[in-house]
Amino acid sequence: MLDRDLAELYGVEVKRLNEQVKRNLERFPENFRFQLSDDEFNELVAICDRFKKLKHSSVNSYAFTEAGVAMLSAVLHTPIAVQVSVQIINAFVAMRKLISAHTGIVQRLETVEQKQIETDKKIDKIFNALESKEAIPKCGVFFDGQIFDAYVLANKIIKSAK
């Protein structure tokens, strides 16, 4: 989000928002906030009608990432910023509780996944053995009435003898 949009959202002037950021630069690394290049700024003004008033601005706007927006709520002291900051903390606490409550399920899923991988390997081994025409069994299991199958196996074993 652009600094102008955030200033409006948090109920402060753009100048005051950027002042607070400059006073707290250690809280805003590059992955939290960056200044638009001239090309980016000009393209933004050209594409978006709502930024036409920025066309003659002498300073390029700053863009804030999600983390930067959250950090702004911690450094600004407006009622809206305080509310946002409290909501962010509540969201983190709720996420932590949710994750800790479902840790057992995640571990069980990992166990099931490992067993599935082992089963897949065994099935692949079986299919490879079935597709392989080189492997001749040394013995076979035959039921009553399967004399032909027994003769075929015996014939294959004899032919493979060297």
N, C-alpha and C. Protein backbone atom coordinates (compact mmCIF):
# COMPACT_ATOMS: atom_id res chain seq x y z
N MET A 1 0.85 -1.17 0.00
CA MET A 1 0.00 0.00 0.00
C MET A 1 0.90 1.24 0.00
N LEU A 2 0.41 2.28 -0.62
CA LEU A 2 1.18 3.52 -0.67
C LEU A 2 1.03 4.31 0.62
N ASP A 3 2.04 5.12 0.90
CA ASP A 3 2.03 5.92 2.11
C ASP A 3 0.79 6.82 2.19
N ARG A 4 0.34 7.34 1.07
CA ARG A 4 -0.84 8.21 1.07
C ARG A 4 -2.11 7.46 1.49
N ASP A 5 -2.25 6.24 1.01
CA ASP A 5 -3.41 5.42 1.38
C ASP A 5 -3.37 5.06 2.87
N LEU A 6 -2.18 4.72 3.35
CA LEU A 6 -2.04 4.35 4.75
C LEU A 6 -2.26 5.54 5.68
N ALA A 7 -1.80 6.72 5.25
CA ALA A 7 -2.02 7.92 6.06
C ALA A 7 -3.52 8.17 6.23
N GLU A 8 -4.24 8.01 5.15
CA GLU A 8 -5.70 8.19 5.21
C GLU A 8 -6.33 7.11 6.09
N LEU A 9 -5.87 5.88 5.94
CA LEU A 9 -6.41 4.76 6.72
C LEU A 9 -6.18 4.97 8.22
N TYR A 10 -4.97 5.39 8.59
CA TYR A 10 -4.63 5.56 10.00
C TYR A 10 -4.99 6.94 10.55
N GLY A 11 -5.50 7.82 9.70
CA GLY A 11 -5.96 9.13 10.17
C GLY A 11 -4.85 10.10 10.50
N VAL A 12 -3.77 10.08 9.72
CA VAL A 12 -2.67 11.04 9.91
C VAL A 12 -2.31 11.65 8.56
N GLU A 13 -1.51 12.70 8.59
CA GLU A 13 -1.02 13.29 7.34
C GLU A 13 0.12 12.43 6.81
N VAL A 14 0.31 12.47 5.51
CA VAL A 14 1.39 11.69 4.88
C VAL A 14 2.73 12.11 5.46
N LYS A 15 2.89 13.40 5.68
CA LYS A 15 4.14 13.94 6.22
C LYS A 15 4.41 13.35 7.61
N ARG A 16 3.39 13.26 8.44
CA ARG A 16 3.54 12.72 9.80
C ARG A 16 3.84 11.21 9.76
N LEU A 17 3.19 10.51 8.86
CA LEU A 17 3.44 9.08 8.72
C LEU A 17 4.90 8.84 8.36
N ASN A 18 5.39 9.56 7.37
CA ASN A 18 6.79 9.38 6.94
C ASN A 18 7.77 9.84 8.01
N GLU A 19 7.38 10.85 8.82
CA GLU A 19 8.24 11.27 9.93
C GLU A 19 8.41 10.13 10.94
N GLN A 20 7.30 9.48 11.27
CA GLN A 20 7.36 8.38 12.23
C GLN A 20 8.21 7.23 11.69
N VAL A 21 8.11 6.99 10.41
CA VAL A 21 8.91 5.92 9.80
C VAL A 21 10.39 6.29 9.90
N LYS A 22 10.74 7.54 9.59
CA LYS A 22 12.14 7.97 9.64
C LYS A 22 12.68 7.93 11.07
N ARG A 23 11.83 8.21 12.04
CA ARG A 23 12.26 8.14 13.45
C ARG A 23 12.47 6.70 13.91
N ASN A 24 11.86 5.77 13.20
CA ASN A 24 11.93 4.35 13.56
C ASN A 24 12.45 3.51 12.40
N LEU A 25 13.48 3.98 11.72
CA LEU A 25 13.99 3.29 10.53
C LEU A 25 14.41 1.85 10.79
N GLU A 26 14.90 1.56 12.00
CA GLU A 26 15.34 0.19 12.30
C GLU A 26 14.16 -0.78 12.29
N ARG A 27 12.95 -0.28 12.39
CA ARG A 27 11.76 -1.13 12.36
C ARG A 27 11.23 -1.35 10.94
N PHE A 28 11.83 -0.68 9.96
CA PHE A 28 11.33 -0.76 8.59
C PHE A 28 12.46 -1.15 7.62
N PRO A 29 12.85 -2.42 7.64
CA PRO A 29 13.86 -2.86 6.66
C PRO A 29 13.26 -2.82 5.24
N GLU A 30 14.08 -3.13 4.26
CA GLU A 30 13.66 -3.03 2.85
C GLU A 30 12.47 -3.92 2.52
N ASN A 31 12.32 -5.03 3.22
CA ASN A 31 11.18 -5.91 2.91
C ASN A 31 9.89 -5.44 3.59
N PHE A 32 9.95 -4.32 4.34
CA PHE A 32 8.76 -3.72 4.93
C PHE A 32 8.31 -2.48 4.16
N ARG A 33 9.28 -1.75 3.59
CA ARG A 33 8.96 -0.48 2.95
C ARG A 33 10.04 -0.17 1.91
N PHE A 34 9.61 0.39 0.78
CA PHE A 34 10.57 0.82 -0.24
C PHE A 34 9.99 2.01 -0.98
N GLN A 35 10.88 2.81 -1.53
CA GLN A 35 10.43 3.98 -2.29
C GLN A 35 10.32 3.60 -3.76
N LEU A 36 9.24 4.03 -4.38
CA LEU A 36 9.03 3.73 -5.80
C LEU A 36 10.09 4.45 -6.64
N SER A 37 10.54 3.78 -7.68
CA SER A 37 11.48 4.43 -8.61
C SER A 37 10.70 5.43 -9.46
N ASP A 38 11.42 6.27 -10.19
CA ASP A 38 10.75 7.25 -11.06
C ASP A 38 9.85 6.55 -12.08
N ASP A 39 10.36 5.48 -12.69
CA ASP A 39 9.57 4.75 -13.68
C ASP A 39 8.31 4.14 -13.06
N GLU A 40 8.47 3.51 -11.89
CA GLU A 40 7.32 2.91 -11.21
C GLU A 40 6.29 3.98 -10.85
N PHE A 41 6.79 5.09 -10.32
CA PHE A 41 5.89 6.17 -9.91
C PHE A 41 5.14 6.74 -11.11
N ASN A 42 5.87 7.01 -12.20
CA ASN A 42 5.23 7.56 -13.40
C ASN A 42 4.21 6.58 -13.99
N GLU A 43 4.54 5.30 -14.00
CA GLU A 43 3.60 4.30 -14.51
C GLU A 43 2.35 4.22 -13.65
N LEU A 44 2.54 4.27 -12.34
CA LEU A 44 1.41 4.24 -11.42
C LEU A 44 0.49 5.44 -11.63
N VAL A 45 1.06 6.61 -11.77
CA VAL A 45 0.27 7.82 -11.99
C VAL A 45 -0.45 7.75 -13.34
N ALA A 46 0.22 7.18 -14.34
CA ALA A 46 -0.38 7.10 -15.67
C ALA A 46 -1.52 6.08 -15.73
N ILE A 47 -1.39 5.00 -14.99
CA ILE A 47 -2.38 3.92 -15.05
C ILE A 47 -3.59 4.18 -14.15
N CYS A 48 -3.36 4.67 -12.95
CA CYS A 48 -4.43 4.81 -11.97
C CYS A 48 -4.93 6.25 -11.89
N ASP A 49 -6.18 6.43 -12.19
CA ASP A 49 -6.77 7.77 -12.16
C ASP A 49 -6.73 8.39 -10.77
N ARG A 50 -6.84 7.58 -9.73
CA ARG A 50 -6.89 8.15 -8.39
C ARG A 50 -5.54 8.72 -7.94
N PHE A 51 -4.49 8.48 -8.69
CA PHE A 51 -3.18 9.04 -8.36
C PHE A 51 -2.80 10.23 -9.23
N LYS A 52 -3.74 10.77 -9.99
CA LYS A 52 -3.46 11.92 -10.87
C LYS A 52 -2.92 13.12 -10.09
N LYS A 53 -3.42 13.30 -8.84
CA LYS A 53 -2.98 14.45 -8.06
C LYS A 53 -1.50 14.32 -7.64
N LEU A 54 -0.95 13.11 -7.73
CA LEU A 54 0.46 12.91 -7.40
C LEU A 54 1.39 13.22 -8.57
N LYS A 55 0.81 13.50 -9.72
CA LYS A 55 1.58 13.68 -10.95
C LYS A 55 2.68 14.73 -10.80
N HIS A 56 2.41 15.79 -10.08
CA HIS A 56 3.39 16.87 -9.96
C HIS A 56 4.12 16.85 -8.62
N SER A 57 4.06 15.71 -7.93
CA SER A 57 4.74 15.58 -6.65
C SER A 57 6.24 15.54 -6.87
N SER A 58 6.98 16.18 -5.99
CA SER A 58 8.44 16.23 -6.12
C SER A 58 9.11 15.00 -5.50
N VAL A 59 8.37 14.25 -4.70
CA VAL A 59 8.93 13.08 -4.03
C VAL A 59 8.13 11.84 -4.42
N ASN A 60 8.84 10.78 -4.73
CA ASN A 60 8.15 9.52 -5.05
C ASN A 60 7.58 8.91 -3.78
N SER A 61 6.43 8.29 -3.90
CA SER A 61 5.76 7.69 -2.75
C SER A 61 6.52 6.47 -2.25
N TYR A 62 6.26 6.14 -1.00
CA TYR A 62 6.77 4.91 -0.41
C TYR A 62 5.67 3.85 -0.49
N ALA A 63 6.08 2.63 -0.73
CA ALA A 63 5.15 1.50 -0.75
C ALA A 63 5.47 0.62 0.45
N PHE A 64 4.44 0.16 1.13
CA PHE A 64 4.60 -0.67 2.32
C PHE A 64 4.07 -2.07 2.04
N THR A 65 4.82 -3.05 2.50
CA THR A 65 4.37 -4.44 2.39
C THR A 65 3.41 -4.73 3.56
N GLU A 66 2.90 -5.93 3.59
CA GLU A 66 1.99 -6.33 4.68
C GLU A 66 2.66 -6.15 6.04
N ALA A 67 3.92 -6.56 6.13
CA ALA A 67 4.65 -6.41 7.39
C ALA A 67 4.86 -4.94 7.73
N GLY A 68 5.10 -4.11 6.73
CA GLY A 68 5.26 -2.68 6.95
C GLY A 68 3.99 -2.03 7.45
N VAL A 69 2.86 -2.45 6.93
CA VAL A 69 1.57 -1.93 7.38
C VAL A 69 1.36 -2.28 8.84
N ALA A 70 1.69 -3.51 9.20
CA ALA A 70 1.56 -3.94 10.60
C ALA A 70 2.50 -3.15 11.50
N MET A 71 3.72 -2.92 11.06
CA MET A 71 4.68 -2.17 11.86
C MET A 71 4.23 -0.72 12.04
N LEU A 72 3.62 -0.16 11.01
CA LEU A 72 3.10 1.21 11.13
C LEU A 72 2.10 1.31 12.27
N SER A 73 1.29 0.28 12.43
CA SER A 73 0.30 0.33 13.51
C SER A 73 0.97 0.38 14.88
N ALA A 74 2.21 -0.10 14.96
CA ALA A 74 2.93 -0.08 16.23
C ALA A 74 3.62 1.26 16.49
N VAL A 75 3.97 1.98 15.44
CA VAL A 75 4.70 3.24 15.66
C VAL A 75 3.80 4.47 15.61
N LEU A 76 2.63 4.36 15.02
CA LEU A 76 1.70 5.49 15.00
C LEU A 76 0.84 5.46 16.27
N HIS A 77 0.41 6.63 16.71
CA HIS A 77 -0.33 6.70 17.97
C HIS A 77 -1.72 7.29 17.78
N THR A 78 -2.37 6.90 16.71
CA THR A 78 -3.76 7.32 16.51
C THR A 78 -4.67 6.22 17.04
N PRO A 79 -5.91 6.54 17.35
CA PRO A 79 -6.82 5.49 17.84
C PRO A 79 -6.97 4.31 16.87
N ILE A 80 -6.99 4.60 15.58
CA ILE A 80 -7.12 3.53 14.59
C ILE A 80 -5.88 2.65 14.59
N ALA A 81 -4.69 3.27 14.67
CA ALA A 81 -3.45 2.51 14.68
C ALA A 81 -3.38 1.61 15.92
N VAL A 82 -3.85 2.12 17.06
CA VAL A 82 -3.85 1.31 18.28
C VAL A 82 -4.80 0.13 18.12
N GLN A 83 -5.97 0.35 17.54
CA GLN A 83 -6.93 -0.75 17.30
C GLN A 83 -6.33 -1.80 16.38
N VAL A 84 -5.69 -1.36 15.30
CA VAL A 84 -5.08 -2.30 14.35
C VAL A 84 -3.98 -3.11 15.04
N SER A 85 -3.17 -2.44 15.84
CA SER A 85 -2.09 -3.11 16.55
C SER A 85 -2.64 -4.18 17.49
N VAL A 86 -3.69 -3.86 18.22
CA VAL A 86 -4.32 -4.83 19.12
C VAL A 86 -4.90 -6.00 18.33
N GLN A 87 -5.53 -5.72 17.21
CA GLN A 87 -6.10 -6.79 16.38
C GLN A 87 -5.02 -7.71 15.84
N ILE A 88 -3.88 -7.15 15.47
CA ILE A 88 -2.76 -7.97 14.97
C ILE A 88 -2.26 -8.90 16.07
N ILE A 89 -2.09 -8.38 17.28
CA ILE A 89 -1.62 -9.20 18.40
C ILE A 89 -2.65 -10.30 18.68
N ASN A 90 -3.93 -9.96 18.68
CA ASN A 90 -4.97 -10.97 18.91
C ASN A 90 -4.94 -12.05 17.83
N ALA A 91 -4.70 -11.66 16.61
CA ALA A 91 -4.62 -12.63 15.51
C ALA A 91 -3.44 -13.57 15.70
N PHE A 92 -2.29 -13.04 16.13
CA PHE A 92 -1.12 -13.89 16.36
C PHE A 92 -1.37 -14.87 17.50
N VAL A 93 -2.01 -14.42 18.56
CA VAL A 93 -2.31 -15.30 19.69
C VAL A 93 -3.27 -16.40 19.25
N ALA A 94 -4.30 -16.03 18.49
CA ALA A 94 -5.26 -17.02 18.01
C ALA A 94 -4.59 -18.04 17.09
N MET A 95 -3.68 -17.57 16.21
CA MET A 95 -2.96 -18.49 15.32
C MET A 95 -2.10 -19.45 16.12
N ARG A 96 -1.40 -18.94 17.15
CA ARG A 96 -0.54 -19.79 17.97
C ARG A 96 -1.38 -20.87 18.65
N LYS A 97 -2.53 -20.49 19.20
CA LYS A 97 -3.41 -21.47 19.84
C LYS A 97 -3.90 -22.51 18.84
N LEU A 98 -4.28 -22.08 17.66
CA LEU A 98 -4.76 -22.99 16.63
C LEU A 98 -3.67 -23.97 16.22
N ILE A 99 -2.47 -23.46 16.03
CA ILE A 99 -1.36 -24.33 15.62
C ILE A 99 -1.03 -25.34 16.71
N SER A 100 -0.99 -24.89 17.96
CA SER A 100 -0.64 -25.81 19.04
C SER A 100 -1.75 -26.85 19.25
N ALA A 101 -2.99 -26.47 19.01
CA ALA A 101 -4.10 -27.42 19.16
C ALA A 101 -4.09 -28.49 18.08
N HIS A 102 -3.51 -28.20 16.93
CA HIS A 102 -3.53 -29.13 15.81
C HIS A 102 -2.18 -29.79 15.54
N THR A 103 -1.26 -29.67 16.47
CA THR A 103 0.06 -30.26 16.28
C THR A 103 -0.03 -31.78 16.16
N GLY A 104 -0.88 -32.40 16.98
CA GLY A 104 -1.05 -33.86 16.93
C GLY A 104 -1.55 -34.34 15.59
N ILE A 105 -2.47 -33.60 15.01
CA ILE A 105 -3.01 -33.97 13.70
C ILE A 105 -1.91 -33.90 12.65
N VAL A 106 -1.09 -32.86 12.71
CA VAL A 106 -0.01 -32.72 11.74
C VAL A 106 0.98 -33.88 11.87
N GLN A 107 1.30 -34.26 13.10
CA GLN A 107 2.21 -35.39 13.29
C GLN A 107 1.61 -36.69 12.77
N ARG A 108 0.32 -36.89 13.01
CA ARG A 108 -0.34 -38.10 12.51
C ARG A 108 -0.36 -38.11 10.99
N LEU A 109 -0.59 -36.96 10.38
CA LEU A 109 -0.57 -36.89 8.91
C LEU A 109 0.82 -37.22 8.37
N GLU A 110 1.85 -36.76 9.05
CA GLU A 110 3.21 -37.07 8.61
C GLU A 110 3.48 -38.57 8.69
N THR A 111 2.98 -39.21 9.75
CA THR A 111 3.15 -40.66 9.90
C THR A 111 2.42 -41.40 8.78
N VAL A 112 1.19 -40.99 8.50
CA VAL A 112 0.42 -41.61 7.42
C VAL A 112 1.13 -41.41 6.09
N GLU A 113 1.67 -40.23 5.88
CA GLU A 113 2.39 -39.95 4.63
C GLU A 113 3.62 -40.86 4.49
N GLN A 114 4.36 -41.06 5.58
CA GLN A 114 5.53 -41.94 5.54
C GLN A 114 5.12 -43.37 5.20
N LYS A 115 4.04 -43.85 5.82
CA LYS A 115 3.57 -45.21 5.54
C LYS A 115 3.11 -45.33 4.09
N GLN A 116 2.49 -44.29 3.57
CA GLN A 116 2.04 -44.30 2.18
C GLN A 116 3.23 -44.37 1.23
N ILE A 117 4.29 -43.67 1.55
CA ILE A 117 5.50 -43.71 0.72
C ILE A 117 6.09 -45.12 0.72
N GLU A 118 6.15 -45.76 1.90
CA GLU A 118 6.66 -47.12 1.99
C GLU A 118 5.79 -48.09 1.18
N THR A 119 4.48 -47.93 1.29
CA THR A 119 3.55 -48.79 0.55
C THR A 119 3.72 -48.59 -0.95
N ASP A 120 3.87 -47.35 -1.38
CA ASP A 120 4.08 -47.07 -2.80
C ASP A 120 5.34 -47.76 -3.32
N LYS A 121 6.40 -47.74 -2.52
CA LYS A 121 7.65 -48.40 -2.93
C LYS A 121 7.44 -49.90 -3.09
N LYS A 122 6.69 -50.50 -2.15
CA LYS A 122 6.43 -51.95 -2.22
C LYS A 122 5.58 -52.28 -3.44
N ILE A 123 4.59 -51.46 -3.71
CA ILE A 123 3.73 -51.70 -4.88
C ILE A 123 4.54 -51.56 -6.17
N ASP A 124 5.41 -50.56 -6.24
CA ASP A 124 6.27 -50.41 -7.41
C ASP A 124 7.16 -51.63 -7.60
N LYS A 125 7.66 -52.17 -6.50
CA LYS A 125 8.52 -53.35 -6.57
C LYS A 125 7.73 -54.55 -7.12
N ILE A 126 6.50 -54.68 -6.67
CA ILE A 126 5.65 -55.78 -7.15
C ILE A 126 5.36 -55.62 -8.63
N PHE A 127 4.99 -54.42 -9.06
CA PHE A 127 4.71 -54.19 -10.48
C PHE A 127 5.95 -54.43 -11.35
N ASN A 128 7.10 -54.00 -10.87
CA ASN A 128 8.34 -54.23 -11.61
C ASN A 128 8.62 -55.72 -11.75
N ALA A 129 8.36 -56.48 -10.69
CA ALA A 129 8.58 -57.93 -10.75
C ALA A 129 7.59 -58.58 -11.72
N LEU A 130 6.34 -58.10 -11.71
CA LEU A 130 5.34 -58.67 -12.63
C LEU A 130 5.68 -58.35 -14.09
N GLU A 131 6.20 -57.16 -14.34
CA GLU A 131 6.52 -56.75 -15.70
C GLU A 131 7.80 -57.39 -16.20
N SER A 132 8.67 -57.79 -15.29
CA SER A 132 9.94 -58.40 -15.66
C SER A 132 9.69 -59.81 -16.17
N LYS A 133 10.18 -60.10 -17.37
CA LYS A 133 9.98 -61.42 -17.96
C LYS A 133 11.18 -62.33 -17.72
N GLU A 134 12.22 -61.77 -17.13
CA GLU A 134 13.42 -62.54 -16.90
C GLU A 134 13.31 -63.41 -15.65
N ALA A 135 12.60 -62.94 -14.67
CA ALA A 135 12.53 -63.67 -13.41
C ALA A 135 11.60 -64.86 -13.53
N ILE A 136 12.14 -66.05 -13.31
CA ILE A 136 11.35 -67.28 -13.33
C ILE A 136 11.33 -67.81 -11.90
N PRO A 137 10.15 -68.02 -11.37
CA PRO A 137 10.09 -68.51 -9.99
C PRO A 137 10.69 -69.91 -9.89
N LYS A 138 11.28 -70.21 -8.73
CA LYS A 138 11.90 -71.53 -8.50
C LYS A 138 10.85 -72.54 -8.10
N CYS A 139 9.78 -72.08 -7.55
CA CYS A 139 8.72 -72.98 -7.17
C CYS A 139 7.39 -72.25 -7.32
N GLY A 140 6.32 -72.97 -7.30
CA GLY A 140 5.02 -72.35 -7.47
C GLY A 140 4.01 -72.97 -6.54
N VAL A 141 2.91 -72.30 -6.36
CA VAL A 141 1.82 -72.82 -5.56
C VAL A 141 0.67 -73.10 -6.53
N PHE A 142 0.21 -74.33 -6.54
CA PHE A 142 -0.85 -74.71 -7.46
C PHE A 142 -1.97 -75.37 -6.67
N PHE A 143 -3.17 -75.14 -7.14
CA PHE A 143 -4.34 -75.73 -6.50
C PHE A 143 -4.83 -76.90 -7.35
N ASP A 144 -5.74 -77.66 -6.81
CA ASP A 144 -6.29 -78.81 -7.55
C ASP A 144 -6.82 -78.37 -8.90
N GLY A 145 -6.44 -79.09 -9.91
CA GLY A 145 -6.93 -78.80 -11.25
C GLY A 145 -6.03 -77.85 -12.02
N GLN A 146 -4.93 -77.42 -11.48
CA GLN A 146 -4.04 -76.51 -12.18
C GLN A 146 -2.79 -77.24 -12.65
N ILE A 147 -2.99 -78.39 -13.20
CA ILE A 147 -1.87 -79.20 -13.66
C ILE A 147 -1.13 -78.53 -14.80
N PHE A 148 -1.86 -77.92 -15.71
CA PHE A 148 -1.23 -77.26 -16.85
C PHE A 148 -0.27 -76.17 -16.38
N ASP A 149 -0.70 -75.36 -15.42
CA ASP A 149 0.16 -74.30 -14.89
C ASP A 149 1.43 -74.89 -14.27
N ALA A 150 1.30 -76.00 -13.59
CA ALA A 150 2.47 -76.66 -13.00
C ALA A 150 3.43 -77.13 -14.09
N TYR A 151 2.88 -77.72 -15.16
CA TYR A 151 3.72 -78.17 -16.28
C TYR A 151 4.43 -77.00 -16.96
N VAL A 152 3.71 -75.91 -17.13
CA VAL A 152 4.30 -74.72 -17.77
C VAL A 152 5.47 -74.22 -16.94
N LEU A 153 5.29 -74.13 -15.61
CA LEU A 153 6.37 -73.66 -14.73
C LEU A 153 7.56 -74.61 -14.79
N ALA A 154 7.28 -75.90 -14.71
CA ALA A 154 8.37 -76.88 -14.76
C ALA A 154 9.11 -76.78 -16.08
N ASN A 155 8.40 -76.58 -17.18
CA ASN A 155 9.00 -76.44 -18.50
C ASN A 155 9.92 -75.21 -18.54
N LYS A 156 9.46 -74.10 -17.99
CA LYS A 156 10.28 -72.88 -17.98
C LYS A 156 11.55 -73.08 -17.16
N ILE A 157 11.42 -73.73 -16.04
CA ILE A 157 12.59 -73.97 -15.17
C ILE A 157 13.59 -74.84 -15.89
N ILE A 158 13.13 -75.88 -16.54
CA ILE A 158 14.04 -76.79 -17.27
C ILE A 158 14.71 -76.05 -18.42
N LYS A 159 13.96 -75.24 -19.17
CA LYS A 159 14.54 -74.51 -20.32
C LYS A 159 15.56 -73.48 -19.86
N SER A 160 15.40 -72.97 -18.65
CA SER A 160 16.33 -71.95 -18.21
C SER A 160 17.61 -72.54 -17.64
N ALA A 161 17.66 -73.85 -17.46
CA ALA A 161 18.84 -74.50 -16.91
C ALA A 161 20.01 -74.40 -17.88
N LYS A 162 21.18 -74.23 -17.33
CA LYS A 162 22.38 -74.11 -18.17
C LYS A 162 23.33 -75.23 -17.88
